[in-house]
Structure formats: C-alpha cells, structure tokens
Amino acid sequence: MGVYVPEDPGAESELARNGKLAFGYGTFFFKGQSMGTGRCNTKQYNARLRDLITEGIATPGSLVSHELELDQAAEGYEHFDKRHDGWTKVVLHP
C-alpha cells in the first residue's frame, strides 16, 4: 500500500510537484506491460488485521515513529507532511 499524493510542493522535480510522473511509454508499450491503479479495499482486511494484532501475531508498533498527545497533533502532522527524517507513523493519544 502506498500514499496517493496529487501534488507535492516539496518534490524535487516540477512534474512531481504537480503530481505527474515521467516514464518511457514507448518501452512500456513494446514490452507489453500493463499498469493498474486504484484504492485498496481496506474494509476487506480490517477485521483480520485487528485480530492478528490483538492475538499478538502482527506488531504494527514497529511502524510507529512517534506517539504524541492529541494537543500536539498539528505539530506532528507538520513534521509528517514535510517528510522530516524519522516521521513515518504517528499515534495520537487523547
């Protein structure tokens, strides 16, 4: 799973800043490749993932980089949005 970003003002290239990607379409065509896009059907996986977590089989905590109080949400989002080093996933505690 990834993150769809229609625009990224902080990207290195003009294309990426506008949510575009340059690639060799001719080679892509001649090799007979295909590309699929779309959203992940997260509802299909939620219950099973929850069960794996509660049973201790899956440990998503290893993905969490920061845990903040709810009143620090804006600060945390700013770090995450600006892609500061080490800010991958943030858990907010009410």
PDB file of N, CA and C in Angstrom:
ATOM      1  N   MET A   1       0.851  -1.173   0.000  1.00  0.00           N
ATOM      2  CA  MET A   1       0.000   0.000   0.000  1.00  0.00           C
ATOM      3  C   MET A   1       0.889   1.226   0.000  1.00  0.00           C
ATOM      4  N   GLY A   2       0.400   2.242  -0.623  1.00  0.00           N
ATOM      5  CA  GLY A   2       1.157   3.471  -0.687  1.00  0.00           C
ATOM      6  C   GLY A   2       0.280   4.658  -0.379  1.00  0.00           C
ATOM      7  N   VAL A   3       0.811   5.795  -0.607  1.00  0.00           N
ATOM      8  CA  VAL A   3       0.091   7.037  -0.381  1.00  0.00           C
ATOM      9  C   VAL A   3      -0.040   7.749  -1.713  1.00  0.00           C
ATOM     10  N   TYR A   4      -1.267   8.113  -2.051  1.00  0.00           N
ATOM     11  CA  TYR A   4      -1.501   8.861  -3.272  1.00  0.00           C
ATOM     12  C   TYR A   4      -1.379  10.341  -2.951  1.00  0.00           C
ATOM     13  N   VAL A   5      -0.503  11.006  -3.640  1.00  0.00           N
ATOM     14  CA  VAL A   5      -0.303  12.433  -3.416  1.00  0.00           C
ATOM     15  C   VAL A   5      -0.539  13.153  -4.741  1.00  0.00           C
ATOM     16  N   PRO A   6      -1.675  13.842  -4.894  1.00  0.00           N
ATOM     17  CA  PRO A   6      -1.952  14.504  -6.166  1.00  0.00           C
ATOM     18  C   PRO A   6      -0.958  15.617  -6.483  1.00  0.00           C
ATOM     19  N   GLU A   7      -0.426  16.232  -5.465  1.00  0.00           N
ATOM     20  CA  GLU A   7       0.572  17.277  -5.636  1.00  0.00           C
ATOM     21  C   GLU A   7       1.543  17.206  -4.466  1.00  0.00           C
ATOM     22  N   ASP A   8       2.775  17.559  -4.716  1.00  0.00           N
ATOM     23  CA  ASP A   8       3.778  17.570  -3.652  1.00  0.00           C
ATOM     24  C   ASP A   8       4.646  18.811  -3.838  1.00  0.00           C
ATOM     25  N   PRO A   9       4.265  19.924  -3.225  1.00  0.00           N
ATOM     26  CA  PRO A   9       5.014  21.167  -3.400  1.00  0.00           C
ATOM     27  C   PRO A   9       6.487  21.054  -3.032  1.00  0.00           C
ATOM     28  N   GLY A  10       6.855  20.101  -2.177  1.00  0.00           N
ATOM     29  CA  GLY A  10       8.244  19.960  -1.761  1.00  0.00           C
ATOM     30  C   GLY A  10       9.049  18.990  -2.610  1.00  0.00           C
ATOM     31  N   ALA A  11       8.465  18.477  -3.684  1.00  0.00           N
ATOM     32  CA  ALA A  11       9.162  17.490  -4.515  1.00  0.00           C
ATOM     33  C   ALA A  11      10.328  18.121  -5.266  1.00  0.00           C
ATOM     34  N   GLU A  12      11.254  17.263  -5.690  1.00  0.00           N
ATOM     35  CA  GLU A  12      12.458  17.744  -6.358  1.00  0.00           C
ATOM     36  C   GLU A  12      12.208  18.180  -7.798  1.00  0.00           C
ATOM     37  N   SER A  13      11.277  17.526  -8.493  1.00  0.00           N
ATOM     38  CA  SER A  13      11.065  17.863  -9.905  1.00  0.00           C
ATOM     39  C   SER A  13       9.751  18.614 -10.094  1.00  0.00           C
ATOM     40  N   GLU A  14       9.673  19.357 -11.175  1.00  0.00           N
ATOM     41  CA  GLU A  14       8.449  20.112 -11.496  1.00  0.00           C
ATOM     42  C   GLU A  14       7.285  19.153 -11.724  1.00  0.00           C
ATOM     43  N   LEU A  15       7.541  18.029 -12.396  1.00  0.00           N
ATOM     44  CA  LEU A  15       6.479  17.056 -12.633  1.00  0.00           C
ATOM     45  C   LEU A  15       5.918  16.530 -11.317  1.00  0.00           C
ATOM     46  N   ALA A  16       6.792  16.118 -10.416  1.00  0.00           N
ATOM     47  CA  ALA A  16       6.347  15.580  -9.134  1.00  0.00           C
ATOM     48  C   ALA A  16       5.603  16.633  -8.320  1.00  0.00           C
ATOM     49  N   ARG A  17       6.033  17.868  -8.415  1.00  0.00           N
ATOM     50  CA  ARG A  17       5.331  18.935  -7.695  1.00  0.00           C
ATOM     51  C   ARG A  17       3.888  19.043  -8.158  1.00  0.00           C
ATOM     52  N   ASN A  18       3.635  18.657  -9.423  1.00  0.00           N
ATOM     53  CA  ASN A  18       2.288  18.723  -9.977  1.00  0.00           C
ATOM     54  C   ASN A  18       1.594  17.367 -10.010  1.00  0.00           C
ATOM     55  N   GLY A  19       2.158  16.385  -9.303  1.00  0.00           N
ATOM     56  CA  GLY A  19       1.531  15.075  -9.222  1.00  0.00           C
ATOM     57  C   GLY A  19       1.659  14.258 -10.493  1.00  0.00           C
ATOM     58  N   LYS A  20       2.714  14.468 -11.258  1.00  0.00           N
ATOM     59  CA  LYS A  20       2.900  13.759 -12.522  1.00  0.00           C
ATOM     60  C   LYS A  20       4.174  12.929 -12.480  1.00  0.00           C
ATOM     61  N   LEU A  21       4.223  11.923 -13.335  1.00  0.00           N
ATOM     62  CA  LEU A  21       5.351  11.014 -13.394  1.00  0.00           C
ATOM     63  C   LEU A  21       5.777  10.842 -14.840  1.00  0.00           C
ATOM     64  N   ALA A  22       7.055  11.003 -15.113  1.00  0.00           N
ATOM     65  CA  ALA A  22       7.579  10.789 -16.460  1.00  0.00           C
ATOM     66  C   ALA A  22       8.141   9.381 -16.549  1.00  0.00           C
ATOM     67  N   PHE A  23       7.768   8.655 -17.598  1.00  0.00           N
ATOM     68  CA  PHE A  23       8.358   7.339 -17.820  1.00  0.00           C
ATOM     69  C   PHE A  23       8.346   7.052 -19.320  1.00  0.00           C
ATOM     70  N   GLY A  24       9.186   6.101 -19.729  1.00  0.00           N
ATOM     71  CA  GLY A  24       9.330   5.768 -21.143  1.00  0.00           C
ATOM     72  C   GLY A  24       8.141   4.973 -21.649  1.00  0.00           C
ATOM     73  N   TYR A  25       7.150   5.662 -22.172  1.00  0.00           N
ATOM     74  CA  TYR A  25       5.933   4.992 -22.634  1.00  0.00           C
ATOM     75  C   TYR A  25       6.211   4.035 -23.792  1.00  0.00           C
ATOM     76  N   GLY A  26       7.132   4.397 -24.690  1.00  0.00           N
ATOM     77  CA  GLY A  26       7.448   3.529 -25.824  1.00  0.00           C
ATOM     78  C   GLY A  26       7.950   2.165 -25.364  1.00  0.00           C
ATOM     79  N   THR A  27       8.897   2.148 -24.445  1.00  0.00           N
ATOM     80  CA  THR A  27       9.416   0.888 -23.906  1.00  0.00           C
ATOM     81  C   THR A  27       8.319   0.136 -23.170  1.00  0.00           C
ATOM     82  N   PHE A  28       7.544   0.847 -22.416  1.00  0.00           N
ATOM     83  CA  PHE A  28       6.420   0.274 -21.687  1.00  0.00           C
ATOM     84  C   PHE A  28       5.473  -0.440 -22.661  1.00  0.00           C
ATOM     85  N   PHE A  29       5.170   0.214 -23.780  1.00  0.00           N
ATOM     86  CA  PHE A  29       4.269  -0.333 -24.790  1.00  0.00           C
ATOM     87  C   PHE A  29       4.879  -1.554 -25.480  1.00  0.00           C
ATOM     88  N   PHE A  30       6.118  -1.434 -25.933  1.00  0.00           N
ATOM     89  CA  PHE A  30       6.751  -2.515 -26.676  1.00  0.00           C
ATOM     90  C   PHE A  30       6.968  -3.775 -25.838  1.00  0.00           C
ATOM     91  N   LYS A  31       7.137  -3.622 -24.546  1.00  0.00           N
ATOM     92  CA  LYS A  31       7.315  -4.782 -23.677  1.00  0.00           C
ATOM     93  C   LYS A  31       5.975  -5.410 -23.285  1.00  0.00           C
ATOM     94  N   GLY A  32       4.885  -4.790 -23.704  1.00  0.00           N
ATOM     95  CA  GLY A  32       3.562  -5.336 -23.396  1.00  0.00           C
ATOM     96  C   GLY A  32       3.216  -5.287 -21.926  1.00  0.00           C
ATOM     97  N   GLN A  33       3.724  -4.286 -21.258  1.00  0.00           N
ATOM     98  CA  GLN A  33       3.460  -4.171 -19.833  1.00  0.00           C
ATOM     99  C   GLN A  33       2.079  -3.571 -19.587  1.00  0.00           C
ATOM    100  N   SER A  34       1.596  -3.763 -18.388  1.00  0.00           N
ATOM    101  CA  SER A  34       0.320  -3.156 -18.016  1.00  0.00           C
ATOM    102  C   SER A  34       0.477  -2.509 -16.642  1.00  0.00           C
ATOM    103  N   MET A  35      -0.442  -1.615 -16.358  1.00  0.00           N
ATOM    104  CA  MET A  35      -0.383  -0.888 -15.101  1.00  0.00           C
ATOM    105  C   MET A  35      -1.795  -0.835 -14.527  1.00  0.00           C
ATOM    106  N   GLY A  36      -1.891  -1.067 -13.263  1.00  0.00           N
ATOM    107  CA  GLY A  36      -3.183  -0.975 -12.602  1.00  0.00           C
ATOM    108  C   GLY A  36      -3.120   0.033 -11.472  1.00  0.00           C
ATOM    109  N   THR A  37      -4.208   0.685 -11.241  1.00  0.00           N
ATOM    110  CA  THR A  37      -4.274   1.645 -10.147  1.00  0.00           C
ATOM    111  C   THR A  37      -5.593   1.457  -9.414  1.00  0.00           C
ATOM    112  N   GLY A  38      -5.718   2.090  -8.324  1.00  0.00           N
ATOM    113  CA  GLY A  38      -6.967   2.043  -7.580  1.00  0.00           C
ATOM    114  C   GLY A  38      -6.699   2.048  -6.096  1.00  0.00           C
ATOM    115  N   ARG A  39      -7.778   2.128  -5.378  1.00  0.00           N
ATOM    116  CA  ARG A  39      -7.668   2.167  -3.921  1.00  0.00           C
ATOM    117  C   ARG A  39      -7.715   0.762  -3.353  1.00  0.00           C
ATOM    118  N   CYS A  40      -7.042   0.577  -2.268  1.00  0.00           N
ATOM    119  CA  CYS A  40      -7.040  -0.692  -1.558  1.00  0.00           C
ATOM    120  C   CYS A  40      -8.380  -0.850  -0.837  1.00  0.00           C
ATOM    121  N   ASN A  41      -8.950  -2.032  -0.911  1.00  0.00           N
ATOM    122  CA  ASN A  41     -10.207  -2.301  -0.216  1.00  0.00           C
ATOM    123  C   ASN A  41      -9.905  -2.605   1.254  1.00  0.00           C
ATOM    124  N   THR A  42      -9.652  -1.560   2.014  1.00  0.00           N
ATOM    125  CA  THR A  42      -9.232  -1.741   3.406  1.00  0.00           C
ATOM    126  C   THR A  42     -10.301  -2.416   4.264  1.00  0.00           C
ATOM    127  N   LYS A  43     -11.568  -2.211   3.945  1.00  0.00           N
ATOM    128  CA  LYS A  43     -12.629  -2.828   4.750  1.00  0.00           C
ATOM    129  C   LYS A  43     -12.549  -4.345   4.702  1.00  0.00           C
ATOM    130  N   GLN A  44     -12.028  -4.869   3.604  1.00  0.00           N
ATOM    131  CA  GLN A  44     -11.895  -6.314   3.464  1.00  0.00           C
ATOM    132  C   GLN A  44     -10.871  -6.876   4.460  1.00  0.00           C
ATOM    133  N   TYR A  45      -9.887  -6.077   4.841  1.00  0.00           N
ATOM    134  CA  TYR A  45      -8.782  -6.554   5.665  1.00  0.00           C
ATOM    135  C   TYR A  45      -8.847  -6.108   7.125  1.00  0.00           C
ATOM    136  N   ASN A  46      -9.643  -5.104   7.438  1.00  0.00           N
ATOM    137  CA  ASN A  46      -9.643  -4.516   8.790  1.00  0.00           C
ATOM    138  C   ASN A  46      -9.846  -5.525   9.909  1.00  0.00           C
ATOM    139  N   ALA A  47     -10.880  -6.355   9.819  1.00  0.00           N
ATOM    140  CA  ALA A  47     -11.189  -7.287  10.907  1.00  0.00           C
ATOM    141  C   ALA A  47     -10.063  -8.297  11.090  1.00  0.00           C
ATOM    142  N   ARG A  48      -9.557  -8.833   9.998  1.00  0.00           N
ATOM    143  CA  ARG A  48      -8.476  -9.827  10.099  1.00  0.00           C
ATOM    144  C   ARG A  48      -7.211  -9.193  10.682  1.00  0.00           C
ATOM    145  N   LEU A  49      -6.873  -7.995  10.236  1.00  0.00           N
ATOM    146  CA  LEU A  49      -5.694  -7.317  10.785  1.00  0.00           C
ATOM    147  C   LEU A  49      -5.869  -7.012  12.264  1.00  0.00           C
ATOM    148  N   ARG A  50      -7.062  -6.587  12.647  1.00  0.00           N
ATOM    149  CA  ARG A  50      -7.336  -6.332  14.069  1.00  0.00           C
ATOM    150  C   ARG A  50      -7.103  -7.589  14.887  1.00  0.00           C
ATOM    151  N   ASP A  51      -7.616  -8.724  14.384  1.00  0.00           N
ATOM    152  CA  ASP A  51      -7.455  -9.987  15.101  1.00  0.00           C
ATOM    153  C   ASP A  51      -5.983 -10.380  15.215  1.00  0.00           C
ATOM    154  N   LEU A  52      -5.230 -10.190  14.141  1.00  0.00           N
ATOM    155  CA  LEU A  52      -3.804 -10.513  14.183  1.00  0.00           C
ATOM    156  C   LEU A  52      -3.072  -9.663  15.215  1.00  0.00           C
ATOM    157  N   ILE A  53      -3.478  -8.412  15.331  1.00  0.00           N
ATOM    158  CA  ILE A  53      -2.851  -7.502  16.298  1.00  0.00           C
ATOM    159  C   ILE A  53      -3.220  -7.909  17.724  1.00  0.00           C
ATOM    160  N   THR A  54      -4.510  -8.153  17.973  1.00  0.00           N
ATOM    161  CA  THR A  54      -4.931  -8.500  19.340  1.00  0.00           C
ATOM    162  C   THR A  54      -4.397  -9.860  19.778  1.00  0.00           C
ATOM    163  N   GLU A  55      -4.126 -10.757  18.814  1.00  0.00           N
ATOM    164  CA  GLU A  55      -3.570 -12.066  19.135  1.00  0.00           C
ATOM    165  C   GLU A  55      -2.048 -12.019  19.281  1.00  0.00           C
ATOM    166  N   GLY A  56      -1.451 -10.851  19.021  1.00  0.00           N
ATOM    167  CA  GLY A  56      -0.009 -10.701  19.160  1.00  0.00           C
ATOM    168  C   GLY A  56       0.792 -11.258  17.995  1.00  0.00           C
ATOM    169  N   ILE A  57       0.113 -11.601  16.904  1.00  0.00           N
ATOM    170  CA  ILE A  57       0.797 -12.147  15.730  1.00  0.00           C
ATOM    171  C   ILE A  57       1.413 -11.021  14.897  1.00  0.00           C
ATOM    172  N   ALA A  58       0.647  -9.969  14.692  1.00  0.00           N
ATOM    173  CA  ALA A  58       1.143  -8.793  13.968  1.00  0.00           C
ATOM    174  C   ALA A  58       1.493  -7.713  14.983  1.00  0.00           C
ATOM    175  N   THR A  59       2.600  -7.031  14.753  1.00  0.00           N
ATOM    176  CA  THR A  59       3.030  -5.981  15.672  1.00  0.00           C
ATOM    177  C   THR A  59       3.258  -4.682  14.907  1.00  0.00           C
ATOM    178  N   PRO A  60       2.192  -3.960  14.630  1.00  0.00           N
ATOM    179  CA  PRO A  60       2.331  -2.726  13.863  1.00  0.00           C
ATOM    180  C   PRO A  60       3.067  -1.626  14.613  1.00  0.00           C
ATOM    181  N   GLY A  61       3.287  -1.808  15.892  1.00  0.00           N
ATOM    182  CA  GLY A  61       4.020  -0.813  16.675  1.00  0.00           C
ATOM    183  C   GLY A  61       5.402  -0.547  16.128  1.00  0.00           C
ATOM    184  N   SER A  62       5.965  -1.513  15.417  1.00  0.00           N
ATOM    185  CA  SER A  62       7.293  -1.307  14.851  1.00  0.00           C
ATOM    186  C   SER A  62       7.275  -0.258  13.739  1.00  0.00           C
ATOM    187  N   LEU A  63       6.102   0.057  13.225  1.00  0.00           N
ATOM    188  CA  LEU A  63       5.976   1.082  12.195  1.00  0.00           C
ATOM    189  C   LEU A  63       5.844   2.480  12.782  1.00  0.00           C
ATOM    190  N   VAL A  64       5.443   2.551  14.030  1.00  0.00           N
ATOM    191  CA  VAL A  64       5.177   3.833  14.683  1.00  0.00           C
ATOM    192  C   VAL A  64       6.484   4.526  15.041  1.00  0.00           C
ATOM    193  N   SER A  65       6.623   5.748  14.553  1.00  0.00           N
ATOM    194  CA  SER A  65       7.845   6.504  14.852  1.00  0.00           C
ATOM    195  C   SER A  65       7.666   7.448  16.031  1.00  0.00           C
ATOM    196  N   HIS A  66       6.436   7.913  16.249  1.00  0.00           N
ATOM    197  CA  HIS A  66       6.199   8.879  17.317  1.00  0.00           C
ATOM    198  C   HIS A  66       4.823   8.653  17.942  1.00  0.00           C
ATOM    199  N   GLU A  67       4.743   8.905  19.228  1.00  0.00           N
ATOM    200  CA  GLU A  67       3.475   8.902  19.948  1.00  0.00           C
ATOM    201  C   GLU A  67       3.335  10.266  20.601  1.00  0.00           C
ATOM    202  N   LEU A  68       2.224  10.941  20.310  1.00  0.00           N
ATOM    203  CA  LEU A  68       2.009  12.309  20.796  1.00  0.00           C
ATOM    204  C   LEU A  68       0.656  12.431  21.470  1.00  0.00           C
ATOM    205  N   GLU A  69       0.548  13.432  22.322  1.00  0.00           N
ATOM    206  CA  GLU A  69      -0.749  13.772  22.898  1.00  0.00           C
ATOM    207  C   GLU A  69      -1.584  14.457  21.822  1.00  0.00           C
ATOM    208  N   LEU A  70      -2.889  14.381  21.967  1.00  0.00           N
ATOM    209  CA  LEU A  70      -3.788  14.937  20.963  1.00  0.00           C
ATOM    210  C   LEU A  70      -3.543  16.419  20.704  1.00  0.00           C
ATOM    211  N   ASP A  71      -3.180  17.156  21.746  1.00  0.00           N
ATOM    212  CA  ASP A  71      -2.948  18.592  21.551  1.00  0.00           C
ATOM    213  C   ASP A  71      -1.662  18.877  20.765  1.00  0.00           C
ATOM    214  N   GLN A  72      -0.872  17.853  20.472  1.00  0.00           N
ATOM    215  CA  GLN A  72       0.339  18.005  19.659  1.00  0.00           C
ATOM    216  C   GLN A  72       0.117  17.539  18.217  1.00  0.00           C
ATOM    217  N   ALA A  73      -1.135  17.257  17.857  1.00  0.00           N
ATOM    218  CA  ALA A  73      -1.449  16.711  16.531  1.00  0.00           C
ATOM    219  C   ALA A  73      -0.975  17.622  15.409  1.00  0.00           C
ATOM    220  N   ALA A  74      -1.206  18.912  15.524  1.00  0.00           N
ATOM    221  CA  ALA A  74      -0.809  19.839  14.459  1.00  0.00           C
ATOM    222  C   ALA A  74       0.704  19.825  14.251  1.00  0.00           C
ATOM    223  N   GLU A  75       1.441  19.799  15.336  1.00  0.00           N
ATOM    224  CA  GLU A  75       2.910  19.748  15.255  1.00  0.00           C
ATOM    225  C   GLU A  75       3.364  18.442  14.596  1.00  0.00           C
ATOM    226  N   GLY A  76       2.763  17.333  15.016  1.00  0.00           N
ATOM    227  CA  GLY A  76       3.112  16.039  14.441  1.00  0.00           C
ATOM    228  C   GLY A  76       2.786  15.967  12.963  1.00  0.00           C
ATOM    229  N   TYR A  77       1.613  16.489  12.595  1.00  0.00           N
ATOM    230  CA  TYR A  77       1.233  16.473  11.187  1.00  0.00           C
ATOM    231  C   TYR A  77       2.204  17.309  10.361  1.00  0.00           C
ATOM    232  N   GLU A  78       2.630  18.427  10.885  1.00  0.00           N
ATOM    233  CA  GLU A  78       3.576  19.278  10.156  1.00  0.00           C
ATOM    234  C   GLU A  78       4.880  18.529   9.864  1.00  0.00           C
ATOM    235  N   HIS A  79       5.407  17.837  10.868  1.00  0.00           N
ATOM    236  CA  HIS A  79       6.636  17.051  10.661  1.00  0.00           C
ATOM    237  C   HIS A  79       6.410  15.963   9.611  1.00  0.00           C
ATOM    238  N   PHE A  80       5.278  15.262   9.732  1.00  0.00           N
ATOM    239  CA  PHE A  80       4.967  14.184   8.798  1.00  0.00           C
ATOM    240  C   PHE A  80       4.766  14.734   7.387  1.00  0.00           C
ATOM    241  N   ASP A  81       4.016  15.811   7.271  1.00  0.00           N
ATOM    242  CA  ASP A  81       3.710  16.409   5.971  1.00  0.00           C
ATOM    243  C   ASP A  81       4.964  16.924   5.263  1.00  0.00           C
ATOM    244  N   LYS A  82       5.898  17.447   6.042  1.00  0.00           N
ATOM    245  CA  LYS A  82       7.143  17.965   5.458  1.00  0.00           C
ATOM    246  C   LYS A  82       8.189  16.871   5.292  1.00  0.00           C
ATOM    247  N   ARG A  83       7.803  15.651   5.626  1.00  0.00           N
ATOM    248  CA  ARG A  83       8.667  14.479   5.456  1.00  0.00           C
ATOM    249  C   ARG A  83      10.003  14.613   6.194  1.00  0.00           C
ATOM    250  N   HIS A  84       9.940  15.145   7.392  1.00  0.00           N
ATOM    251  CA  HIS A  84      11.151  15.236   8.207  1.00  0.00           C
ATOM    252  C   HIS A  84      11.635  13.826   8.524  1.00  0.00           C
ATOM    253  N   ASP A  85      12.944  13.664   8.575  1.00  0.00           N
ATOM    254  CA  ASP A  85      13.533  12.347   8.835  1.00  0.00           C
ATOM    255  C   ASP A  85      12.959  11.723  10.098  1.00  0.00           C
ATOM    256  N   GLY A  86      12.586  10.463   9.972  1.00  0.00           N
ATOM    257  CA  GLY A  86      12.118   9.711  11.125  1.00  0.00           C
ATOM    258  C   GLY A  86      10.639   9.811  11.419  1.00  0.00           C
ATOM    259  N   TRP A  87       9.902  10.631  10.700  1.00  0.00           N
ATOM    260  CA  TRP A  87       8.465  10.791  10.934  1.00  0.00           C
ATOM    261  C   TRP A  87       7.709   9.926   9.930  1.00  0.00           C
ATOM    262  N   THR A  88       7.412   8.678  10.329  1.00  0.00           N
ATOM    263  CA  THR A  88       6.737   7.756   9.427  1.00  0.00           C
ATOM    264  C   THR A  88       5.282   7.546   9.797  1.00  0.00           C
ATOM    265  N   LYS A  89       5.018   7.137  11.025  1.00  0.00           N
ATOM    266  CA  LYS A  89       3.659   6.935  11.517  1.00  0.00           C
ATOM    267  C   LYS A  89       3.565   7.528  12.914  1.00  0.00           C
ATOM    268  N   VAL A  90       2.470   8.232  13.154  1.00  0.00           N
ATOM    269  CA  VAL A  90       2.291   8.906  14.432  1.00  0.00           C
ATOM    270  C   VAL A  90       0.998   8.405  15.075  1.00  0.00           C
ATOM    271  N   VAL A  91       1.076   8.030  16.338  1.00  0.00           N
ATOM    272  CA  VAL A  91      -0.089   7.645  17.110  1.00  0.00           C
ATOM    273  C   VAL A  91      -0.437   8.799  18.019  1.00  0.00           C
ATOM    274  N   LEU A  92      -1.707   9.205  17.994  1.00  0.00           N
ATOM    275  CA  LEU A  92      -2.182  10.290  18.865  1.00  0.00           C
ATOM    276  C   LEU A  92      -2.949   9.711  20.029  1.00  0.00           C
ATOM    277  N   HIS A  93      -2.628  10.156  21.228  1.00  0.00           N
ATOM    278  CA  HIS A  93      -3.309   9.700  22.437  1.00  0.00           C
ATOM    279  C   HIS A  93      -4.231  10.813  22.937  1.00  0.00           C
ATOM    280  N   PRO A  94      -5.526  10.517  23.039  1.00  0.00           N
ATOM    281  CA  PRO A  94      -6.457  11.547  23.538  1.00  0.00           C
ATOM    282  C   PRO A  94      -6.259  11.821  25.015  1.00  0.00           C
TER     283      PRO A  94
END
